């Protein structure tokens, strides 16, 4: 046992981020403080400052962690469900099916981590956001755009700017997730609404006859 209770130097940072997301979900960003996290984890008040210089550094790290997790899930879906770090070398299945998988992966993350996703976008668009955070946020879009390009090469996706097509795809699934979180789908199950939205989206992405 160390001075920080049961946490060693290597895992306190991860524990702080995990607890921070739980507090964020329950109380919003205004409920987050380094002192409060230290109290929750049973460590000294000074312990969190070894990993985060202040509250904003904690929020930035939460956003970076969130985008890192989201991008890993999107890469896996883009590769057809593989867990490879680069998915492109292990891609399997038609581009359309993998685009649908990307949509499901995003909605699953957005609904399961609503408060975190809101924070991720808020911090990313702040005037003083870090280059790392902006790059991670842009990578989410590029993962989809690269699959759009692949679909165009195989004739599964209509011609057009892949980044713009990716933005339209994101707007569709993000809008659906927003409606689901706000309980605005009425009696339609999310899974049913998601499959219909993906069917319509993919139909619109196919080349015209």
C-alpha atoms as a PDB file:
ATOM      1  CA  UNK A   1       0.000   0.000   0.000  1.00  0.00           C
ATOM      2  CA  UNK A   2       1.276   3.420  -0.954  1.00  0.00           C
ATOM      3  CA  UNK A   3       0.639   6.905   0.335  1.00  0.00           C
ATOM      4  CA  UNK A   4      -2.205   7.029  -2.170  1.00  0.00           C
ATOM      5  CA  UNK A   5      -4.066   4.129  -0.588  1.00  0.00           C
ATOM      6  CA  UNK A   6      -4.364   1.099  -2.848  1.00  0.00           C
ATOM      7  CA  UNK A   7      -3.394   3.019  -5.997  1.00  0.00           C
ATOM      8  CA  UNK A   8       0.087   2.848  -7.394  1.00  0.00           C
ATOM      9  CA  UNK A   9       1.495   5.603  -9.579  1.00  0.00           C
ATOM     10  CA  UNK A  10       0.752   3.661 -12.751  1.00  0.00           C
ATOM     11  CA  UNK A  11      -2.961   3.138 -12.221  1.00  0.00           C
ATOM     12  CA  UNK A  12      -4.091   6.212 -10.277  1.00  0.00           C
ATOM     13  CA  UNK A  13      -4.411   8.243 -13.476  1.00  0.00           C
ATOM     14  CA  UNK A  14      -6.686   5.625 -15.035  1.00  0.00           C
ATOM     15  CA  UNK A  15      -8.740   5.422 -11.841  1.00  0.00           C
ATOM     16  CA  UNK A  16      -9.110   9.200 -11.759  1.00  0.00           C
ATOM     17  CA  UNK A  17     -10.348   9.271 -15.355  1.00  0.00           C
ATOM     18  CA  UNK A  18     -12.781   6.429 -14.743  1.00  0.00           C
ATOM     19  CA  UNK A  19     -14.194   8.105 -11.660  1.00  0.00           C
ATOM     20  CA  UNK A  20     -14.269  11.473 -13.435  1.00  0.00           C
ATOM     21  CA  UNK A  21     -16.494  10.094 -16.182  1.00  0.00           C
ATOM     22  CA  UNK A  22     -18.856   8.637 -13.579  1.00  0.00           C
ATOM     23  CA  UNK A  23     -19.107  12.028 -11.851  1.00  0.00           C
ATOM     24  CA  UNK A  24     -19.496  13.765 -15.225  1.00  0.00           C
ATOM     25  CA  UNK A  25     -22.398  11.480 -16.087  1.00  0.00           C
ATOM     26  CA  UNK A  26     -24.094  11.956 -12.736  1.00  0.00           C
ATOM     27  CA  UNK A  27     -23.441  15.637 -12.021  1.00  0.00           C
ATOM     28  CA  UNK A  28     -22.094  17.272 -15.179  1.00  0.00           C
ATOM     29  CA  UNK A  29     -18.736  18.984 -15.638  1.00  0.00           C
ATOM     30  CA  UNK A  30     -19.543  21.462 -12.877  1.00  0.00           C
ATOM     31  CA  UNK A  31     -19.496  18.598 -10.387  1.00  0.00           C
ATOM     32  CA  UNK A  32     -15.912  17.671 -11.187  1.00  0.00           C
ATOM     33  CA  UNK A  33     -13.000  18.702  -8.989  1.00  0.00           C
ATOM     34  CA  UNK A  34      -9.622  17.149  -8.297  1.00  0.00           C
ATOM     35  CA  UNK A  35     -10.255  17.359  -4.580  1.00  0.00           C
ATOM     36  CA  UNK A  36     -13.585  15.576  -4.956  1.00  0.00           C
ATOM     37  CA  UNK A  37     -12.038  12.797  -7.014  1.00  0.00           C
ATOM     38  CA  UNK A  38      -9.287  12.367  -4.425  1.00  0.00           C
ATOM     39  CA  UNK A  39     -11.923  12.047  -1.736  1.00  0.00           C
ATOM     40  CA  UNK A  40     -13.943   9.532  -3.766  1.00  0.00           C
ATOM     41  CA  UNK A  41     -10.892   7.357  -4.389  1.00  0.00           C
ATOM     42  CA  UNK A  42      -9.548   7.660  -0.874  1.00  0.00           C
ATOM     43  CA  UNK A  43      -6.219   9.206  -1.833  1.00  0.00           C
ATOM     44  CA  UNK A  44      -4.481  12.337  -0.584  1.00  0.00           C
ATOM     45  CA  UNK A  45      -5.716  15.693  -1.865  1.00  0.00           C
ATOM     46  CA  UNK A  46      -2.366  16.239  -3.574  1.00  0.00           C
ATOM     47  CA  UNK A  47      -2.326  12.891  -5.380  1.00  0.00           C
ATOM     48  CA  UNK A  48      -4.373  13.908  -8.476  1.00  0.00           C
ATOM     49  CA  UNK A  49      -2.091  16.887  -9.121  1.00  0.00           C
ATOM     50  CA  UNK A  50       0.690  14.450  -9.967  1.00  0.00           C
ATOM     51  CA  UNK A  51      -1.283  13.580 -13.096  1.00  0.00           C
ATOM     52  CA  UNK A  52      -3.394  16.681 -13.805  1.00  0.00           C
ATOM     53  CA  UNK A  53      -2.108  20.172 -13.065  1.00  0.00           C
ATOM     54  CA  UNK A  54      -5.651  21.539 -12.685  1.00  0.00           C
ATOM     55  CA  UNK A  55      -9.320  20.848 -13.402  1.00  0.00           C
ATOM     56  CA  UNK A  56      -9.018  21.898 -17.049  1.00  0.00           C
ATOM     57  CA  UNK A  57      -6.175  19.454 -17.585  1.00  0.00           C
ATOM     58  CA  UNK A  58      -8.473  16.732 -16.224  1.00  0.00           C
ATOM     59  CA  UNK A  59     -11.254  17.735 -18.639  1.00  0.00           C
ATOM     60  CA  UNK A  60      -8.793  17.759 -21.541  1.00  0.00           C
ATOM     61  CA  UNK A  61      -7.537  14.294 -20.593  1.00  0.00           C
ATOM     62  CA  UNK A  62     -11.113  13.003 -20.364  1.00  0.00           C
ATOM     63  CA  UNK A  63     -11.803  14.289 -23.871  1.00  0.00           C
ATOM     64  CA  UNK A  64      -8.592  12.746 -25.232  1.00  0.00           C
ATOM     65  CA  UNK A  65      -9.468   9.420 -23.592  1.00  0.00           C
ATOM     66  CA  UNK A  66     -12.983   9.595 -25.030  1.00  0.00           C
ATOM     67  CA  UNK A  67     -11.840  10.252 -28.591  1.00  0.00           C
ATOM     68  CA  UNK A  68      -9.190   7.546 -28.289  1.00  0.00           C
ATOM     69  CA  UNK A  69     -11.830   5.004 -27.274  1.00  0.00           C
ATOM     70  CA  UNK A  70     -14.322   6.170 -29.912  1.00  0.00           C
ATOM     71  CA  UNK A  71     -11.713   6.048 -32.682  1.00  0.00           C
ATOM     72  CA  UNK A  72     -10.659   2.533 -31.683  1.00  0.00           C
ATOM     73  CA  UNK A  73     -14.273   1.381 -31.942  1.00  0.00           C
ATOM     74  CA  UNK A  74     -14.735   3.111 -35.291  1.00  0.00           C
ATOM     75  CA  UNK A  75     -11.539   1.572 -36.685  1.00  0.00           C
ATOM     76  CA  UNK A  76     -12.675  -1.867 -35.581  1.00  0.00           C
ATOM     77  CA  UNK A  77     -16.062  -1.368 -37.263  1.00  0.00           C
ATOM     78  CA  UNK A  78     -14.412   0.009 -40.417  1.00  0.00           C
ATOM     79  CA  UNK A  79     -12.303  -3.151 -40.578  1.00  0.00           C
ATOM     80  CA  UNK A  80     -15.359  -5.358 -40.312  1.00  0.00           C
ATOM     81  CA  UNK A  81     -15.212  -5.948 -36.579  1.00  0.00           C
ATOM     82  CA  UNK A  82     -11.526  -6.810 -36.261  1.00  0.00           C
ATOM     83  CA  UNK A  83      -9.505  -5.464 -33.368  1.00  0.00           C
ATOM     84  CA  UNK A  84      -6.390  -4.607 -35.362  1.00  0.00           C
ATOM     85  CA  UNK A  85      -4.719  -1.291 -34.654  1.00  0.00           C
ATOM     86  CA  UNK A  86      -4.689  -0.443 -38.335  1.00  0.00           C
ATOM     87  CA  UNK A  87      -7.938  -2.090 -39.581  1.00  0.00           C
ATOM     88  CA  UNK A  88      -7.079  -1.371 -43.231  1.00  0.00           C
ATOM     89  CA  UNK A  89      -4.880  -4.456 -43.513  1.00  0.00           C
ATOM     90  CA  UNK A  90      -7.517  -6.680 -41.942  1.00  0.00           C
ATOM     91  CA  UNK A  91     -10.638  -5.259 -43.575  1.00  0.00           C
ATOM     92  CA  UNK A  92     -13.321  -7.826 -44.289  1.00  0.00           C
ATOM     93  CA  UNK A  93     -16.781  -7.571 -45.771  1.00  0.00           C
ATOM     94  CA  UNK A  94     -18.469  -5.166 -48.200  1.00  0.00           C
ATOM     95  CA  UNK A  95     -17.928  -1.457 -47.637  1.00  0.00           C
ATOM     96  CA  UNK A  96     -21.670  -0.887 -47.197  1.00  0.00           C
ATOM     97  CA  UNK A  97     -21.906  -3.423 -44.381  1.00  0.00           C
ATOM     98  CA  UNK A  98     -18.899  -1.881 -42.672  1.00  0.00           C
ATOM     99  CA  UNK A  99     -20.372   1.615 -43.017  1.00  0.00           C
ATOM    100  CA  UNK A 100     -23.463   0.306 -41.236  1.00  0.00           C
ATOM    101  CA  UNK A 101     -21.191  -1.127 -38.552  1.00  0.00           C
ATOM    102  CA  UNK A 102     -19.570   2.284 -38.159  1.00  0.00           C
ATOM    103  CA  UNK A 103     -22.994   3.830 -37.645  1.00  0.00           C
ATOM    104  CA  UNK A 104     -23.936   1.301 -34.996  1.00  0.00           C
ATOM    105  CA  UNK A 105     -20.596   1.769 -33.229  1.00  0.00           C
ATOM    106  CA  UNK A 106     -21.056   5.533 -33.090  1.00  0.00           C
ATOM    107  CA  UNK A 107     -24.637   5.381 -31.829  1.00  0.00           C
ATOM    108  CA  UNK A 108     -23.650   2.818 -29.193  1.00  0.00           C
ATOM    109  CA  UNK A 109     -20.870   5.093 -27.930  1.00  0.00           C
ATOM    110  CA  UNK A 110     -22.983   8.253 -28.106  1.00  0.00           C
ATOM    111  CA  UNK A 111     -25.876   6.728 -26.163  1.00  0.00           C
ATOM    112  CA  UNK A 112     -23.630   4.969 -23.652  1.00  0.00           C
ATOM    113  CA  UNK A 113     -21.354   7.963 -23.012  1.00  0.00           C
ATOM    114  CA  UNK A 114     -23.608  10.961 -23.606  1.00  0.00           C
ATOM    115  CA  UNK A 115     -22.035  13.326 -21.094  1.00  0.00           C
ATOM    116  CA  UNK A 116     -18.532  12.353 -22.171  1.00  0.00           C
ATOM    117  CA  UNK A 117     -19.342  12.908 -25.856  1.00  0.00           C
ATOM    118  CA  UNK A 118     -20.738  16.362 -25.082  1.00  0.00           C
ATOM    119  CA  UNK A 119     -17.540  17.182 -23.202  1.00  0.00           C
ATOM    120  CA  UNK A 120     -15.390  15.834 -26.021  1.00  0.00           C
ATOM    121  CA  UNK A 121     -16.944  18.170 -28.578  1.00  0.00           C
ATOM    122  CA  UNK A 122     -17.024  21.131 -26.188  1.00  0.00           C
ATOM    123  CA  UNK A 123     -13.343  20.831 -25.301  1.00  0.00           C
ATOM    124  CA  UNK A 124     -12.327  20.107 -28.915  1.00  0.00           C
ATOM    125  CA  UNK A 125     -13.974  23.295 -30.193  1.00  0.00           C
ATOM    126  CA  UNK A 126     -12.603  25.520 -27.430  1.00  0.00           C
ATOM    127  CA  UNK A 127     -10.279  28.276 -28.618  1.00  0.00           C
ATOM    128  CA  UNK A 128      -7.416  26.845 -26.561  1.00  0.00           C
ATOM    129  CA  UNK A 129      -7.922  23.176 -27.440  1.00  0.00           C
ATOM    130  CA  UNK A 130      -4.736  21.174 -27.903  1.00  0.00           C
ATOM    131  CA  UNK A 131      -3.418  19.994 -31.261  1.00  0.00           C
ATOM    132  CA  UNK A 132      -3.670  16.405 -29.998  1.00  0.00           C
ATOM    133  CA  UNK A 133      -7.358  16.801 -29.234  1.00  0.00           C
ATOM    134  CA  UNK A 134      -8.142  18.448 -32.570  1.00  0.00           C
ATOM    135  CA  UNK A 135      -6.299  15.703 -34.423  1.00  0.00           C
ATOM    136  CA  UNK A 136      -8.115  12.955 -32.525  1.00  0.00           C
ATOM    137  CA  UNK A 137     -11.456  14.603 -33.236  1.00  0.00           C
ATOM    138  CA  UNK A 138     -10.652  14.957 -36.930  1.00  0.00           C
ATOM    139  CA  UNK A 139      -9.488  11.349 -37.077  1.00  0.00           C
ATOM    140  CA  UNK A 140     -13.043  10.216 -36.227  1.00  0.00           C
ATOM    141  CA  UNK A 141     -14.221  11.871 -39.438  1.00  0.00           C
ATOM    142  CA  UNK A 142     -11.286  10.574 -41.491  1.00  0.00           C
ATOM    143  CA  UNK A 143     -11.968   6.971 -40.472  1.00  0.00           C
ATOM    144  CA  UNK A 144     -15.390   7.264 -42.086  1.00  0.00           C
ATOM    145  CA  UNK A 145     -14.054   9.238 -45.070  1.00  0.00           C
ATOM    146  CA  UNK A 146     -11.446   6.571 -45.824  1.00  0.00           C
ATOM    147  CA  UNK A 147     -14.153   3.909 -45.895  1.00  0.00           C
ATOM    148  CA  UNK A 148     -16.224   6.147 -48.173  1.00  0.00           C
ATOM    149  CA  UNK A 149     -13.224   6.302 -50.530  1.00  0.00           C
ATOM    150  CA  UNK A 150     -12.916   2.523 -50.470  1.00  0.00           C
ATOM    151  CA  UNK A 151     -16.606   2.234 -51.255  1.00  0.00           C
ATOM    152  CA  UNK A 152     -16.198   4.606 -54.184  1.00  0.00           C
ATOM    153  CA  UNK A 153     -13.365   2.493 -55.594  1.00  0.00           C
ATOM    154  CA  UNK A 154     -15.514  -0.643 -55.460  1.00  0.00           C
ATOM    155  CA  UNK A 155     -18.610   1.062 -56.822  1.00  0.00           C
ATOM    156  CA  UNK A 156     -20.577   0.819 -53.556  1.00  0.00           C
ATOM    157  CA  UNK A 157     -20.600   4.555 -52.805  1.00  0.00           C
ATOM    158  CA  UNK A 158     -21.606   7.451 -55.035  1.00  0.00           C
ATOM    159  CA  UNK A 159     -19.004   9.920 -56.327  1.00  0.00           C
ATOM    160  CA  UNK A 160     -18.334  13.011 -54.246  1.00  0.00           C
ATOM    161  CA  UNK A 161     -16.039  14.459 -51.619  1.00  0.00           C
ATOM    162  CA  UNK A 162     -15.482  11.583 -49.140  1.00  0.00           C
ATOM    163  CA  UNK A 163     -15.160  14.005 -46.237  1.00  0.00           C
ATOM    164  CA  UNK A 164     -18.494  15.648 -47.049  1.00  0.00           C
ATOM    165  CA  UNK A 165     -20.140  12.252 -47.393  1.00  0.00           C
ATOM    166  CA  UNK A 166     -18.655  11.286 -44.028  1.00  0.00           C
ATOM    167  CA  UNK A 167     -20.055  14.473 -42.477  1.00  0.00           C
ATOM    168  CA  UNK A 168     -23.530  13.627 -43.766  1.00  0.00           C
ATOM    169  CA  UNK A 169     -23.235  10.107 -42.379  1.00  0.00           C
ATOM    170  CA  UNK A 170     -22.143  11.470 -38.999  1.00  0.00           C
ATOM    171  CA  UNK A 171     -25.030  13.931 -38.938  1.00  0.00           C
ATOM    172  CA  UNK A 172     -27.473  11.078 -39.484  1.00  0.00           C
ATOM    173  CA  UNK A 173     -26.253   8.816 -36.693  1.00  0.00           C
ATOM    174  CA  UNK A 174     -25.478  11.674 -34.303  1.00  0.00           C
ATOM    175  CA  UNK A 175     -28.968  13.058 -34.793  1.00  0.00           C
ATOM    176  CA  UNK A 176     -30.479   9.654 -34.114  1.00  0.00           C
ATOM    177  CA  UNK A 177     -28.425   9.262 -30.944  1.00  0.00           C
ATOM    178  CA  UNK A 178     -29.493  12.732 -29.789  1.00  0.00           C
ATOM    179  CA  UNK A 179     -33.174  11.852 -30.274  1.00  0.00           C
ATOM    180  CA  UNK A 180     -32.704   8.577 -28.396  1.00  0.00           C
ATOM    181  CA  UNK A 181     -30.981  10.223 -25.427  1.00  0.00           C
ATOM    182  CA  UNK A 182     -33.738  12.853 -25.248  1.00  0.00           C
ATOM    183  CA  UNK A 183     -36.405  10.088 -25.329  1.00  0.00           C
ATOM    184  CA  UNK A 184     -37.858  11.576 -28.530  1.00  0.00           C
ATOM    185  CA  UNK A 185     -38.230   8.318 -30.460  1.00  0.00           C
ATOM    186  CA  UNK A 186     -41.594   7.729 -28.774  1.00  0.00           C
ATOM    187  CA  UNK A 187     -42.456   4.019 -28.978  1.00  0.00           C
ATOM    188  CA  UNK A 188     -39.880   3.162 -31.635  1.00  0.00           C
ATOM    189  CA  UNK A 189     -37.045   1.043 -30.200  1.00  0.00           C
ATOM    190  CA  UNK A 190     -33.610   2.524 -30.817  1.00  0.00           C
ATOM    191  CA  UNK A 191     -32.424  -0.630 -32.578  1.00  0.00           C
ATOM    192  CA  UNK A 192     -35.331  -0.442 -35.020  1.00  0.00           C
ATOM    193  CA  UNK A 193     -34.854   3.274 -35.676  1.00  0.00           C
ATOM    194  CA  UNK A 194     -31.130   2.762 -36.148  1.00  0.00           C
ATOM    195  CA  UNK A 195     -31.535   0.008 -38.735  1.00  0.00           C
ATOM    196  CA  UNK A 196     -34.068   2.085 -40.671  1.00  0.00           C
ATOM    197  CA  UNK A 197     -31.811   5.157 -40.557  1.00  0.00           C
ATOM    198  CA  UNK A 198     -28.855   3.108 -41.791  1.00  0.00           C
ATOM    199  CA  UNK A 199     -30.939   1.562 -44.562  1.00  0.00           C
ATOM    200  CA  UNK A 200     -32.000   5.005 -45.783  1.00  0.00           C
ATOM    201  CA  UNK A 201     -28.467   6.417 -45.408  1.00  0.00           C
ATOM    202  CA  UNK A 202     -26.856   3.557 -47.342  1.00  0.00           C
ATOM    203  CA  UNK A 203     -29.499   3.792 -50.065  1.00  0.00           C
ATOM    204  CA  UNK A 204     -28.633   7.460 -50.477  1.00  0.00           C
ATOM    205  CA  UNK A 205     -24.920   6.704 -50.640  1.00  0.00           C
ATOM    206  CA  UNK A 206     -25.245   4.171 -53.450  1.00  0.00           C
ATOM    207  CA  UNK A 207     -24.436   5.351 -56.965  1.00  0.00           C
ATOM    208  CA  UNK A 208     -27.489   6.440 -58.967  1.00  0.00           C
ATOM    209  CA  UNK A 209     -28.923   4.004 -61.434  1.00  0.00           C
END
